[in-house]
Amino acid sequence: MPPMRRTFRPRPLLAALVLLGALICPPAGNAAPAPVPPPLLLAETDSGQVDPADYWVSEKLDGVRALWDGRQLYFRSGRPVRAPDWFVRGLPAGQALDGELWLGRGRFDALSGIVRRQQPVDAEWRQVRFMVFELPGAAGDFSARLHALRVVVASSGVGWLGAVEQYRVADRAALRAKLAEVLRAGGEGLMLHRADAPYLSGRNPALLKVKPWLDAEATVIGHEAGRGRHRGRLGALRVESADGRRFRIGTGFSDAERESPPPIGSTITYRYRELNRNGLPRFASYWRVRQEF
């Protein structure tokens, strides 16, 4: 009989205005309606084959997607953002904006804690910026919308509203150089937005993400006990992907995460290089627990 596997037991982010308006309709009856995720443009992964000269390039911010419908600020899920009144009052009335709430490179966990509070803390929100990259529902191609976006942000007069820097590159070599520059500075990658694209929603190659790794999500189905210096804490997670494939992830954890790992049933994001012949990720490494906003 094969030896029994030890199990480690841990110690105890905009749609057209008319569509977004549905989010704030009063509920029928006593039950509050579930939030309605607005239809957003979502990125595909860059294949390495497109000509970047056809795109606007920006840094991929590691923030929380947020959508301003001209009256209220929402997360990507459709839930309202509990931001201070002064933060919301500074946003342009009647003008939809799509962007990221952002603290800076490498500060996603701190940002997540700030924006999830039911009672916002002014001192914390003074550090947060709303970095805008799209005008939902606006006419014209992306180049035209980008020009209009810059005008909106510049005329707002508030320091916590910014426009994500967008620029052009000549070719793949220039794109690789820019990616390397961003990674050295602690960023996570680049975004490519096709210059001639109309406003779109859903996952579409008009928007591409460029990163040195791939990422995906999986559900935690078990904990493996650590050995050696990890004795008494997490050694690896056993996870299951959306298509039912099971595998383990044993790297990428901080000491604190090994002491108190993601619970069974939670959804995590992991990074990997490529899929092997069996469809399993090679060099899978834990990144973080998926945050629900």
Protein backbone atom coordinates (compact mmCIF):
# COMPACT_ATOMS: atom_id res chain seq x y z
CA MET A 1 0.00 0.00 0.00
CA PRO A 2 1.49 3.37 -0.95
CA PRO A 3 2.27 5.69 1.96
CA MET A 4 -0.50 8.08 2.90
CA ARG A 5 0.12 11.66 1.80
CA ARG A 6 0.41 13.98 4.76
CA THR A 7 -2.06 16.85 4.69
CA PHE A 8 -1.05 20.18 6.16
CA ARG A 9 -3.73 21.79 8.29
CA PRO A 10 -3.10 25.56 8.47
CA ARG A 11 -3.44 27.56 11.66
CA PRO A 12 -6.60 29.16 12.59
CA LEU A 13 -12.41 46.99 -11.35
CA LEU A 14 -16.76 51.35 -18.09
CA ALA A 15 -19.82 50.49 -19.67
CA ALA A 16 -22.04 52.89 -21.51
CA LEU A 17 -23.99 55.13 -19.15
CA VAL A 18 -27.33 53.57 -19.95
CA LEU A 19 -26.05 50.11 -19.05
CA LEU A 20 -24.35 51.24 -15.89
CA GLY A 21 -27.57 52.95 -14.86
CA ALA A 22 -29.06 49.50 -14.32
CA LEU A 23 -26.71 49.06 -11.39
CA ILE A 24 -28.39 51.78 -9.38
CA CYS A 25 -32.04 50.99 -10.08
CA PRO A 26 -34.04 50.40 -6.87
CA PRO A 27 -34.65 46.73 -6.03
CA ALA A 28 -38.03 45.13 -6.59
CA GLY A 29 -39.38 43.66 -3.38
CA ASN A 30 -37.28 43.15 -0.27
CA ALA A 31 -34.28 41.35 -1.79
CA ALA A 32 -31.38 43.47 -2.98
CA PRO A 33 -30.45 42.66 -6.57
CA ALA A 34 -27.11 41.07 -7.32
CA PRO A 35 -24.59 43.53 -8.75
CA VAL A 36 -24.50 43.60 -12.55
CA PRO A 37 -20.96 43.55 -13.98
CA PRO A 38 -20.74 46.24 -16.67
CA PRO A 39 -19.52 45.15 -20.11
CA LEU A 40 -15.85 46.07 -20.23
CA LEU A 41 -13.07 45.63 -22.76
CA LEU A 42 -10.86 42.79 -21.55
CA ALA A 43 -7.37 42.01 -22.81
CA GLU A 44 -6.11 38.99 -24.66
CA THR A 45 -2.48 37.88 -24.37
CA ASP A 46 -0.01 39.18 -26.94
CA SER A 47 1.03 36.40 -29.31
CA GLY A 48 4.25 38.14 -30.26
CA GLN A 49 3.09 38.42 -33.87
CA VAL A 50 1.31 41.79 -33.98
CA ASP A 51 3.00 44.98 -35.19
CA PRO A 52 3.12 47.24 -32.12
CA ALA A 53 3.33 50.31 -34.37
CA ASP A 54 -0.45 49.91 -34.80
CA TYR A 55 -1.06 50.25 -31.06
CA TRP A 56 -0.82 52.69 -28.19
CA VAL A 57 1.41 51.27 -25.43
CA SER A 58 1.07 51.77 -21.68
CA GLU A 59 2.27 50.17 -18.48
CA LYS A 60 0.02 47.44 -17.08
CA LEU A 61 -0.91 48.81 -13.67
CA ASP A 62 -1.33 46.32 -10.83
CA GLY A 63 -4.37 48.06 -9.39
CA VAL A 64 -8.11 47.55 -8.95
CA ARG A 65 -10.34 48.13 -11.99
CA ALA A 66 -12.88 50.89 -11.36
CA LEU A 67 -15.59 52.49 -13.44
CA TRP A 68 -17.11 55.95 -13.03
CA ASP A 69 -20.50 56.37 -14.72
CA GLY A 70 -20.65 60.12 -14.17
CA ARG A 71 -22.44 59.73 -10.83
CA GLN A 72 -21.02 56.77 -8.95
CA LEU A 73 -17.82 54.73 -8.78
CA TYR A 74 -18.04 50.94 -9.25
CA PHE A 75 -15.79 47.92 -9.12
CA ARG A 76 -15.62 45.62 -12.14
CA SER A 77 -18.14 43.36 -10.41
CA GLY A 78 -20.74 46.15 -10.38
CA ARG A 79 -20.45 46.69 -6.63
CA PRO A 80 -20.09 50.33 -5.50
CA VAL A 81 -16.67 51.56 -4.34
CA ARG A 82 -16.87 52.95 -0.81
CA ALA A 83 -14.66 55.97 -1.53
CA PRO A 84 -14.73 59.17 0.55
CA ASP A 85 -17.16 61.85 -0.62
CA TRP A 86 -14.34 64.26 -1.50
CA PHE A 87 -12.75 61.63 -3.78
CA VAL A 88 -15.98 61.10 -5.71
CA ARG A 89 -16.87 64.81 -5.86
CA GLY A 90 -13.63 65.46 -7.74
CA LEU A 91 -14.60 63.16 -10.61
CA PRO A 92 -16.26 64.74 -13.69
CA ALA A 93 -20.05 64.70 -13.48
CA GLY A 94 -21.76 63.08 -16.46
CA GLN A 95 -18.52 61.73 -17.96
CA ALA A 96 -17.90 57.96 -17.87
CA LEU A 97 -14.33 56.86 -17.08
CA ASP A 98 -12.67 53.44 -17.04
CA GLY A 99 -9.40 52.95 -15.19
CA GLU A 100 -7.56 51.56 -12.19
CA LEU A 101 -7.45 52.60 -8.58
CA TRP A 102 -3.72 52.56 -7.93
CA LEU A 103 -1.23 53.06 -5.11
CA GLY A 104 1.97 52.34 -7.00
CA ARG A 105 4.06 49.43 -8.18
CA GLY A 106 4.08 46.45 -5.88
CA ARG A 107 1.36 47.80 -3.58
CA PHE A 108 -1.68 45.80 -4.66
CA ASP A 109 -2.21 44.14 -1.28
CA ALA A 110 -2.22 47.48 0.54
CA LEU A 111 -4.59 48.93 -2.06
CA SER A 112 -6.92 45.97 -1.74
CA GLY A 113 -7.21 46.54 1.99
CA ILE A 114 -7.99 50.23 1.50
CA VAL A 115 -10.70 49.89 -1.14
CA ARG A 116 -12.45 46.96 0.54
CA ARG A 117 -13.27 48.86 3.72
CA GLN A 118 -16.96 49.61 4.21
CA GLN A 119 -15.96 52.79 6.03
CA PRO A 120 -13.24 54.54 3.99
CA VAL A 121 -10.27 56.02 5.83
CA ASP A 122 -9.42 59.48 4.49
CA ALA A 123 -5.70 59.22 5.25
CA GLU A 124 -5.46 55.99 3.27
CA TRP A 125 -7.48 57.29 0.29
CA ARG A 126 -5.21 60.36 0.07
CA GLN A 127 -2.62 57.95 -1.33
CA VAL A 128 -4.93 56.45 -3.99
CA ARG A 129 -5.16 57.69 -7.57
CA PHE A 130 -7.75 56.87 -10.22
CA MET A 131 -5.67 56.26 -13.34
CA VAL A 132 -7.90 56.43 -16.44
CA PHE A 133 -7.27 54.63 -19.73
CA GLU A 134 -10.64 54.71 -21.53
CA LEU A 135 -13.80 56.78 -22.11
CA PRO A 136 -16.61 54.18 -22.22
CA GLY A 137 -19.10 54.61 -25.01
CA ALA A 138 -17.31 57.60 -26.54
CA ALA A 139 -17.27 58.07 -30.31
CA GLY A 140 -14.20 57.78 -32.51
CA ASP A 141 -11.25 55.42 -32.55
CA PHE A 142 -8.97 54.94 -29.56
CA SER A 143 -6.59 57.71 -30.67
CA ALA A 144 -9.51 60.17 -30.67
CA ARG A 145 -10.79 58.90 -27.33
CA LEU A 146 -7.31 59.14 -25.85
CA HIS A 147 -7.08 62.81 -26.85
CA ALA A 148 -10.49 63.48 -25.29
CA LEU A 149 -9.51 61.54 -22.16
CA ARG A 150 -6.43 63.69 -21.65
CA VAL A 151 -8.54 66.84 -21.95
CA VAL A 152 -11.04 65.55 -19.38
CA VAL A 153 -8.33 64.67 -16.87
CA ALA A 154 -6.39 67.92 -17.35
CA SER A 155 -9.53 70.01 -16.87
CA SER A 156 -10.59 68.18 -13.69
CA GLY A 157 -8.08 70.01 -11.51
CA VAL A 158 -7.84 67.18 -8.96
CA GLY A 159 -4.60 65.45 -8.07
CA TRP A 160 -6.06 62.00 -7.57
CA LEU A 161 -7.35 61.72 -11.14
CA GLY A 162 -4.71 60.86 -13.73
CA ALA A 163 -4.42 59.62 -17.30
CA VAL A 164 -2.37 56.47 -17.83
CA GLU A 165 0.63 57.40 -19.96
CA GLN A 166 0.19 56.13 -23.54
CA TYR A 167 2.93 56.22 -26.18
CA ARG A 168 3.90 54.63 -29.50
CA VAL A 169 6.80 52.34 -30.36
CA ALA A 170 8.23 51.55 -33.78
CA ASP A 171 8.64 47.76 -33.67
CA ARG A 172 8.97 44.61 -31.56
CA ALA A 173 12.53 45.45 -30.56
CA ALA A 174 11.42 48.78 -29.14
CA LEU A 175 8.53 47.05 -27.38
CA ARG A 176 10.88 44.50 -25.78
CA ALA A 177 13.17 47.30 -24.62
CA LYS A 178 10.25 49.13 -23.04
CA LEU A 179 9.02 45.96 -21.35
CA ALA A 180 12.47 45.36 -19.87
CA GLU A 181 12.54 48.94 -18.59
CA VAL A 182 9.17 48.57 -16.87
CA LEU A 183 10.12 45.23 -15.30
CA ARG A 184 13.38 46.65 -13.94
CA ALA A 185 11.36 49.43 -12.30
CA GLY A 186 9.09 46.91 -10.57
CA GLY A 187 6.18 46.95 -13.03
CA GLU A 188 4.45 43.81 -14.25
CA GLY A 189 4.08 44.36 -18.00
CA LEU A 190 2.62 46.43 -20.81
CA MET A 191 -0.75 46.93 -22.48
CA LEU A 192 -1.30 47.41 -26.22
CA HIS A 193 -4.51 49.18 -27.35
CA ARG A 194 -5.12 49.24 -31.08
CA ALA A 195 -5.11 52.88 -32.23
CA ASP A 196 -7.96 52.50 -34.75
CA ALA A 197 -10.28 50.47 -32.50
CA PRO A 198 -13.78 51.78 -31.74
CA TYR A 199 -15.06 51.44 -28.19
CA LEU A 200 -15.54 47.71 -27.57
CA SER A 201 -16.51 45.40 -24.74
CA GLY A 202 -15.70 41.78 -23.98
CA ARG A 203 -12.40 40.00 -24.52
CA ASN A 204 -10.95 41.31 -27.77
CA PRO A 205 -7.53 41.43 -29.52
CA ALA A 206 -7.93 45.22 -29.77
CA LEU A 207 -6.43 45.14 -26.26
CA LEU A 208 -3.40 42.97 -25.53
CA LYS A 209 -1.32 42.37 -22.43
CA VAL A 210 2.42 41.84 -22.73
CA LYS A 211 4.10 40.09 -19.80
CA PRO A 212 7.15 37.84 -19.30
CA TRP A 213 4.89 35.11 -17.94
CA LEU A 214 1.37 33.74 -18.32
CA ASP A 215 -1.16 33.63 -15.51
CA ALA A 216 -4.33 31.71 -14.77
CA GLU A 217 -6.63 30.81 -11.89
CA ALA A 218 -7.24 27.57 -10.04
CA THR A 219 -9.20 26.39 -7.01
CA VAL A 220 -7.37 25.14 -3.92
CA ILE A 221 -8.35 21.54 -3.21
CA GLY A 222 -5.68 20.58 -0.67
CA HIS A 223 -2.60 21.48 1.36
CA GLU A 224 0.60 19.44 1.46
CA ALA A 225 2.76 19.57 4.56
CA GLY A 226 6.20 21.09 4.24
CA ARG A 227 9.50 19.34 4.84
CA GLY A 228 12.87 20.56 6.03
CA ARG A 229 12.76 24.26 6.81
CA HIS A 230 9.06 24.27 5.93
CA ARG A 231 8.19 21.52 8.43
CA GLY A 232 5.02 22.42 10.29
CA ARG A 233 3.72 24.76 7.62
CA LEU A 234 2.63 24.68 3.98
CA GLY A 235 4.78 22.79 1.52
CA ALA A 236 2.56 23.03 -1.56
CA LEU A 237 -0.99 23.65 -2.69
CA ARG A 238 -2.99 21.05 -4.58
CA VAL A 239 -5.19 22.90 -7.07
CA GLU A 240 -7.70 22.26 -9.84
CA SER A 241 -8.02 24.38 -12.99
CA ALA A 242 -11.33 25.36 -14.58
CA ASP A 243 -11.00 22.49 -17.08
CA GLY A 244 -10.56 19.93 -14.29
CA ARG A 245 -6.78 19.42 -14.46
CA ARG A 246 -5.12 18.90 -11.10
CA PHE A 247 -1.55 19.81 -10.17
CA ARG A 248 0.53 21.17 -7.31
CA ILE A 249 2.12 24.56 -6.73
CA GLY A 250 5.07 24.65 -4.34
CA THR A 251 6.82 27.95 -5.03
CA GLY A 252 6.05 31.66 -4.84
CA PHE A 253 4.85 31.75 -1.23
CA SER A 254 6.06 34.18 1.41
CA ASP A 255 6.77 32.87 4.91
CA ALA A 256 3.50 34.41 6.09
CA GLU A 257 1.58 32.65 3.31
CA ARG A 258 3.13 29.32 4.24
CA GLU A 259 2.07 29.86 7.86
CA SER A 260 -1.48 30.82 6.84
CA PRO A 261 -2.09 29.51 3.31
CA PRO A 262 -5.10 30.11 1.08
CA PRO A 263 -8.01 28.02 2.40
CA ILE A 264 -9.42 25.05 0.57
CA GLY A 265 -12.11 26.26 -1.83
CA SER A 266 -10.48 29.63 -2.46
CA THR A 267 -9.43 30.75 -5.94
CA ILE A 268 -5.81 31.68 -6.51
CA THR A 269 -3.89 33.20 -9.39
CA TYR A 270 -0.66 31.50 -10.43
CA ARG A 271 2.02 32.31 -12.96
CA TYR A 272 3.65 29.90 -15.40
CA ARG A 273 5.84 29.81 -18.51
CA GLU A 274 3.87 27.54 -20.85
CA LEU A 275 1.71 24.42 -20.96
CA ASN A 276 3.29 21.00 -21.40
CA ARG A 277 2.00 18.28 -23.76
CA ASN A 278 -0.53 17.20 -21.15
CA GLY A 279 -1.95 20.69 -20.83
CA LEU A 280 -0.40 21.31 -17.42
CA PRO A 281 1.45 24.53 -16.56
CA ARG A 282 5.25 24.40 -16.50
CA PHE A 283 7.04 26.18 -13.63
CA ALA A 284 3.77 27.13 -11.95
CA SER A 285 4.31 29.61 -9.12
CA TYR A 286 1.78 31.00 -6.65
CA TRP A 287 0.94 34.71 -7.08
CA ARG A 288 -1.98 35.62 -4.83
CA VAL A 289 -5.55 34.86 -3.78
CA ARG A 290 -8.13 36.25 -6.17
CA GLN A 291 -9.76 39.27 -4.57
CA GLU A 292 -13.51 39.76 -4.88
CA PHE A 293 -14.51 43.42 -4.98
